[in-house]
Amino acid sequence: MAPNYSIHAIPAYMVLAFLPHAYAISSIKKANNGKFNNVNARGVDTLAMYKKSVPAEVFGRYERGKAAHANLMENAPFFIGAVIVGNMMGLSAETMNTAIGSYLALRVAYIVAYINVTSQKYSYVRSLLWAISSFVLGGIFVKAGNKLVAQG
C-alpha cells in the first residue's frame, strides 16, 4: 500500500499560498529603498504611495502577487475540505496523492502565470489553470460522494 501524503499537503499549500505574498513585499521593498508600510499595508494611501514611488511594472507585479496570495487563501477551504473529505471516505492513497499533487503543481503554475502575465490575451492561461485545478478538487468531492452513496 502506497503512503498517503495528502494531509502533508495542507501545510505545503499554506507555504505555497504565502510565497506570492512574500514575493510582492520583497519586490516593493526592493524598488522602494527598502521601505514597506507594515502598519497599514493594505491602506489606500499606502498603495497610492507605492504607485507613485515605484516603476509601474514593479507595482503591477506587487498587485498581482498580492492577488495571487489572496486567491490561494480564498481557495484554501476548498483544498483543505477536499483533503479531509477524500480521506474520511477512504479514497486510495494513489487517488489522493495524484489529485493533490496535480492540484499543487497547477497552483504553482497559476502563481507564476498570475505574477508574470501582463496581457489580456495570455491572462486566460491563468484562468484556465485556476479552472483545471478547481476541477481536480471537485473530482475528489465527486469520488468521495460516490463512495458515500455506494455505502448507502
C-alpha atoms as a PDB file:
ATOM      1  CA  MET A   1       0.000   0.000   0.000  1.00  0.00           C
ATOM      2  CA  ALA A   2       1.391   3.384  -1.014  1.00  0.00           C
ATOM      3  CA  PRO A   3       1.807   6.080   1.645  1.00  0.00           C
ATOM      4  CA  ASN A   4      -0.805   8.841   1.590  1.00  0.00           C
ATOM      5  CA  TYR A   5       0.825  12.275   1.632  1.00  0.00           C
ATOM      6  CA  SER A   6      -2.353  14.305   1.190  1.00  0.00           C
ATOM      7  CA  ILE A   7      -2.557  15.555   4.789  1.00  0.00           C
ATOM      8  CA  HIS A   8       1.042  16.784   4.488  1.00  0.00           C
ATOM      9  CA  ALA A   9      -0.088  18.824   1.510  1.00  0.00           C
ATOM     10  CA  ILE A  10      -2.149  21.121   3.756  1.00  0.00           C
ATOM     11  CA  PRO A  11       0.861  22.840   5.369  1.00  0.00           C
ATOM     12  CA  ALA A  12       2.631  22.711   1.999  1.00  0.00           C
ATOM     13  CA  TYR A  13      -0.331  24.561   0.492  1.00  0.00           C
ATOM     14  CA  MET A  14      -0.152  27.227   3.181  1.00  0.00           C
ATOM     15  CA  VAL A  15       3.559  27.768   2.458  1.00  0.00           C
ATOM     16  CA  LEU A  16       2.729  27.935  -1.245  1.00  0.00           C
ATOM     17  CA  ALA A  17      -0.011  30.486  -0.545  1.00  0.00           C
ATOM     18  CA  PHE A  18       2.410  32.779   1.262  1.00  0.00           C
ATOM     19  CA  LEU A  19       5.086  32.709  -1.470  1.00  0.00           C
ATOM     20  CA  PRO A  20       3.384  35.283  -3.732  1.00  0.00           C
ATOM     21  CA  HIS A  21       2.766  37.464  -0.659  1.00  0.00           C
ATOM     22  CA  ALA A  22       6.470  37.324   0.248  1.00  0.00           C
ATOM     23  CA  TYR A  23       7.399  37.999  -3.375  1.00  0.00           C
ATOM     24  CA  ALA A  24       5.101  41.041  -3.511  1.00  0.00           C
ATOM     25  CA  ILE A  25       6.537  42.557  -0.338  1.00  0.00           C
ATOM     26  CA  SER A  26      10.098  41.812  -1.404  1.00  0.00           C
ATOM     27  CA  SER A  27       9.598  43.390  -4.823  1.00  0.00           C
ATOM     28  CA  ILE A  28       8.009  46.560  -3.454  1.00  0.00           C
ATOM     29  CA  LYS A  29      10.678  46.948  -0.761  1.00  0.00           C
ATOM     30  CA  LYS A  30      13.473  46.462  -3.281  1.00  0.00           C
ATOM     31  CA  ALA A  31      12.042  49.158  -5.566  1.00  0.00           C
ATOM     32  CA  ASN A  32      11.175  51.489  -2.657  1.00  0.00           C
ATOM     33  CA  ASN A  33      14.595  51.819  -0.974  1.00  0.00           C
ATOM     34  CA  GLY A  34      13.840  49.007   1.465  1.00  0.00           C
ATOM     35  CA  LYS A  35      10.664  50.644   2.747  1.00  0.00           C
ATOM     36  CA  PHE A  36       7.415  48.802   3.349  1.00  0.00           C
ATOM     37  CA  ASN A  37       4.480  50.155   5.343  1.00  0.00           C
ATOM     38  CA  ASN A  38       3.599  47.265   7.617  1.00  0.00           C
ATOM     39  CA  VAL A  39       1.440  49.484   9.839  1.00  0.00           C
ATOM     40  CA  ASN A  40      -1.226  49.917   7.157  1.00  0.00           C
ATOM     41  CA  ALA A  41      -0.069  47.536   4.448  1.00  0.00           C
ATOM     42  CA  ARG A  42      -3.462  47.399   2.702  1.00  0.00           C
ATOM     43  CA  GLY A  43      -4.321  51.048   3.109  1.00  0.00           C
ATOM     44  CA  VAL A  44      -5.440  53.109   0.139  1.00  0.00           C
ATOM     45  CA  ASP A  45      -2.853  55.772   0.962  1.00  0.00           C
ATOM     46  CA  THR A  46      -0.104  53.138   1.173  1.00  0.00           C
ATOM     47  CA  LEU A  47      -0.998  51.724  -2.225  1.00  0.00           C
ATOM     48  CA  ALA A  48      -1.161  55.231  -3.717  1.00  0.00           C
ATOM     49  CA  MET A  49       2.301  55.977  -2.307  1.00  0.00           C
ATOM     50  CA  TYR A  50       3.727  52.766  -3.794  1.00  0.00           C
ATOM     51  CA  LYS A  51       2.098  53.506  -7.125  1.00  0.00           C
ATOM     52  CA  LYS A  52       3.825  56.894  -7.224  1.00  0.00           C
ATOM     53  CA  SER A  53       7.198  55.813  -5.853  1.00  0.00           C
ATOM     54  CA  VAL A  54       7.987  52.624  -7.803  1.00  0.00           C
ATOM     55  CA  PRO A  55       8.009  51.818 -11.529  1.00  0.00           C
ATOM     56  CA  ALA A  56       4.626  50.755 -12.945  1.00  0.00           C
ATOM     57  CA  GLU A  57       5.962  47.290 -13.787  1.00  0.00           C
ATOM     58  CA  VAL A  58       7.011  46.713 -10.164  1.00  0.00           C
ATOM     59  CA  PHE A  59       3.710  47.997  -8.810  1.00  0.00           C
ATOM     60  CA  GLY A  60       1.858  45.701 -11.233  1.00  0.00           C
ATOM     61  CA  ARG A  61       3.855  42.693 -10.062  1.00  0.00           C
ATOM     62  CA  TYR A  62       3.190  43.701  -6.465  1.00  0.00           C
ATOM     63  CA  GLU A  63      -0.558  43.864  -7.121  1.00  0.00           C
ATOM     64  CA  ARG A  64      -0.579  40.571  -8.999  1.00  0.00           C
ATOM     65  CA  GLY A  65       1.473  38.876  -6.271  1.00  0.00           C
ATOM     66  CA  LYS A  66      -0.958  40.092  -3.619  1.00  0.00           C
ATOM     67  CA  ALA A  67      -3.901  38.967  -5.772  1.00  0.00           C
ATOM     68  CA  ALA A  68      -2.367  35.505  -6.264  1.00  0.00           C
ATOM     69  CA  HIS A  69      -1.874  35.228  -2.494  1.00  0.00           C
ATOM     70  CA  ALA A  70      -5.478  36.309  -1.861  1.00  0.00           C
ATOM     71  CA  ASN A  71      -6.774  33.754  -4.359  1.00  0.00           C
ATOM     72  CA  LEU A  72      -4.840  30.939  -2.733  1.00  0.00           C
ATOM     73  CA  MET A  73      -6.165  31.951   0.687  1.00  0.00           C
ATOM     74  CA  GLU A  74      -9.719  32.111  -0.689  1.00  0.00           C
ATOM     75  CA  ASN A  75      -9.329  28.613  -2.128  1.00  0.00           C
ATOM     76  CA  ALA A  76      -7.737  27.100   0.998  1.00  0.00           C
ATOM     77  CA  PRO A  77     -11.064  25.903   2.491  1.00  0.00           C
ATOM     78  CA  PHE A  78     -11.939  24.095  -0.756  1.00  0.00           C
ATOM     79  CA  PHE A  79      -8.497  22.463  -0.818  1.00  0.00           C
ATOM     80  CA  ILE A  80      -8.499  21.505   2.872  1.00  0.00           C
ATOM     81  CA  GLY A  81     -12.061  20.245   2.589  1.00  0.00           C
ATOM     82  CA  ALA A  82     -11.160  18.031  -0.357  1.00  0.00           C
ATOM     83  CA  VAL A  83      -8.227  16.538   1.536  1.00  0.00           C
ATOM     84  CA  ILE A  84     -10.349  15.864   4.621  1.00  0.00           C
ATOM     85  CA  VAL A  85     -13.393  14.503   2.777  1.00  0.00           C
ATOM     86  CA  GLY A  86     -11.275  12.338   0.490  1.00  0.00           C
ATOM     87  CA  ASN A  87      -9.507  10.801   3.454  1.00  0.00           C
ATOM     88  CA  MET A  88     -12.678  10.439   5.534  1.00  0.00           C
ATOM     89  CA  MET A  89     -14.271   8.472   2.710  1.00  0.00           C
ATOM     90  CA  GLY A  90     -11.191   6.288   2.336  1.00  0.00           C
ATOM     91  CA  LEU A  91     -10.175   7.259  -1.176  1.00  0.00           C
ATOM     92  CA  SER A  92      -6.997   5.412  -2.087  1.00  0.00           C
ATOM     93  CA  ALA A  93      -3.587   6.878  -1.381  1.00  0.00           C
ATOM     94  CA  GLU A  94      -2.886   6.812  -5.118  1.00  0.00           C
ATOM     95  CA  THR A  95      -6.045   8.806  -5.861  1.00  0.00           C
ATOM     96  CA  MET A  96      -5.342  11.329  -3.124  1.00  0.00           C
ATOM     97  CA  ASN A  97      -1.630  11.714  -3.909  1.00  0.00           C
ATOM     98  CA  THR A  98      -2.271  12.103  -7.632  1.00  0.00           C
ATOM     99  CA  ALA A  99      -5.094  14.591  -7.249  1.00  0.00           C
ATOM    100  CA  ILE A 100      -3.450  16.670  -4.531  1.00  0.00           C
ATOM    101  CA  GLY A 101      -0.046  16.591  -6.248  1.00  0.00           C
ATOM    102  CA  SER A 102      -1.661  17.672  -9.508  1.00  0.00           C
ATOM    103  CA  TYR A 103      -3.553  20.439  -7.736  1.00  0.00           C
ATOM    104  CA  LEU A 104      -0.404  21.797  -6.107  1.00  0.00           C
ATOM    105  CA  ALA A 105       1.512  21.696  -9.398  1.00  0.00           C
ATOM    106  CA  LEU A 106      -1.318  23.528 -11.144  1.00  0.00           C
ATOM    107  CA  ARG A 107      -1.348  26.146  -8.393  1.00  0.00           C
ATOM    108  CA  VAL A 108       2.410  26.703  -8.781  1.00  0.00           C
ATOM    109  CA  ALA A 109       1.848  27.278 -12.496  1.00  0.00           C
ATOM    110  CA  TYR A 110      -1.082  29.548 -11.601  1.00  0.00           C
ATOM    111  CA  ILE A 111       1.103  31.703  -9.330  1.00  0.00           C
ATOM    112  CA  VAL A 112       3.796  32.018 -11.992  1.00  0.00           C
ATOM    113  CA  ALA A 113       1.201  32.952 -14.601  1.00  0.00           C
ATOM    114  CA  TYR A 114      -0.573  35.401 -12.290  1.00  0.00           C
ATOM    115  CA  ILE A 115       2.595  37.307 -11.426  1.00  0.00           C
ATOM    116  CA  ASN A 116       4.161  37.280 -14.891  1.00  0.00           C
ATOM    117  CA  VAL A 117       1.308  37.642 -17.377  1.00  0.00           C
ATOM    118  CA  THR A 118       0.636  41.268 -18.275  1.00  0.00           C
ATOM    119  CA  SER A 119      -1.546  40.946 -21.372  1.00  0.00           C
ATOM    120  CA  GLN A 120      -5.266  40.315 -21.590  1.00  0.00           C
ATOM    121  CA  LYS A 121      -4.648  37.699 -24.270  1.00  0.00           C
ATOM    122  CA  TYR A 122      -2.481  35.487 -22.043  1.00  0.00           C
ATOM    123  CA  SER A 123      -4.398  36.159 -18.828  1.00  0.00           C
ATOM    124  CA  TYR A 124      -6.763  33.388 -19.877  1.00  0.00           C
ATOM    125  CA  VAL A 125      -3.949  30.889 -19.268  1.00  0.00           C
ATOM    126  CA  ARG A 126      -4.115  31.835 -15.583  1.00  0.00           C
ATOM    127  CA  SER A 127      -7.897  31.450 -15.602  1.00  0.00           C
ATOM    128  CA  LEU A 128      -7.608  28.056 -17.285  1.00  0.00           C
ATOM    129  CA  LEU A 129      -5.084  26.878 -14.679  1.00  0.00           C
ATOM    130  CA  TRP A 130      -7.450  28.006 -11.929  1.00  0.00           C
ATOM    131  CA  ALA A 131     -10.384  26.189 -13.542  1.00  0.00           C
ATOM    132  CA  ILE A 132      -8.468  22.945 -14.075  1.00  0.00           C
ATOM    133  CA  SER A 133      -7.184  22.977 -10.502  1.00  0.00           C
ATOM    134  CA  SER A 134     -10.732  23.549  -9.240  1.00  0.00           C
ATOM    135  CA  PHE A 135     -11.985  20.594 -11.290  1.00  0.00           C
ATOM    136  CA  VAL A 136      -9.247  18.410  -9.775  1.00  0.00           C
ATOM    137  CA  LEU A 137     -10.541  19.196  -6.281  1.00  0.00           C
ATOM    138  CA  GLY A 138     -14.121  18.814  -7.454  1.00  0.00           C
ATOM    139  CA  GLY A 139     -13.176  15.337  -8.643  1.00  0.00           C
ATOM    140  CA  ILE A 140     -12.172  14.375  -5.104  1.00  0.00           C
ATOM    141  CA  PHE A 141     -15.559  15.511  -3.796  1.00  0.00           C
ATOM    142  CA  VAL A 142     -17.362  13.582  -6.537  1.00  0.00           C
ATOM    143  CA  LYS A 143     -15.384  10.398  -5.855  1.00  0.00           C
ATOM    144  CA  ALA A 144     -15.962  10.747  -2.122  1.00  0.00           C
ATOM    145  CA  GLY A 145     -19.683  11.399  -2.714  1.00  0.00           C
ATOM    146  CA  ASN A 146     -19.948   8.372  -4.987  1.00  0.00           C
ATOM    147  CA  LYS A 147     -18.342   6.236  -2.319  1.00  0.00           C
ATOM    148  CA  LEU A 148     -20.788   7.549   0.290  1.00  0.00           C
ATOM    149  CA  VAL A 149     -23.777   6.823  -1.970  1.00  0.00           C
ATOM    150  CA  ALA A 150     -22.473   3.308  -2.647  1.00  0.00           C
ATOM    151  CA  GLN A 151     -22.273   2.686   1.103  1.00  0.00           C
ATOM    152  CA  GLY A 152     -25.930   3.822   1.226  1.00  0.00           C
END
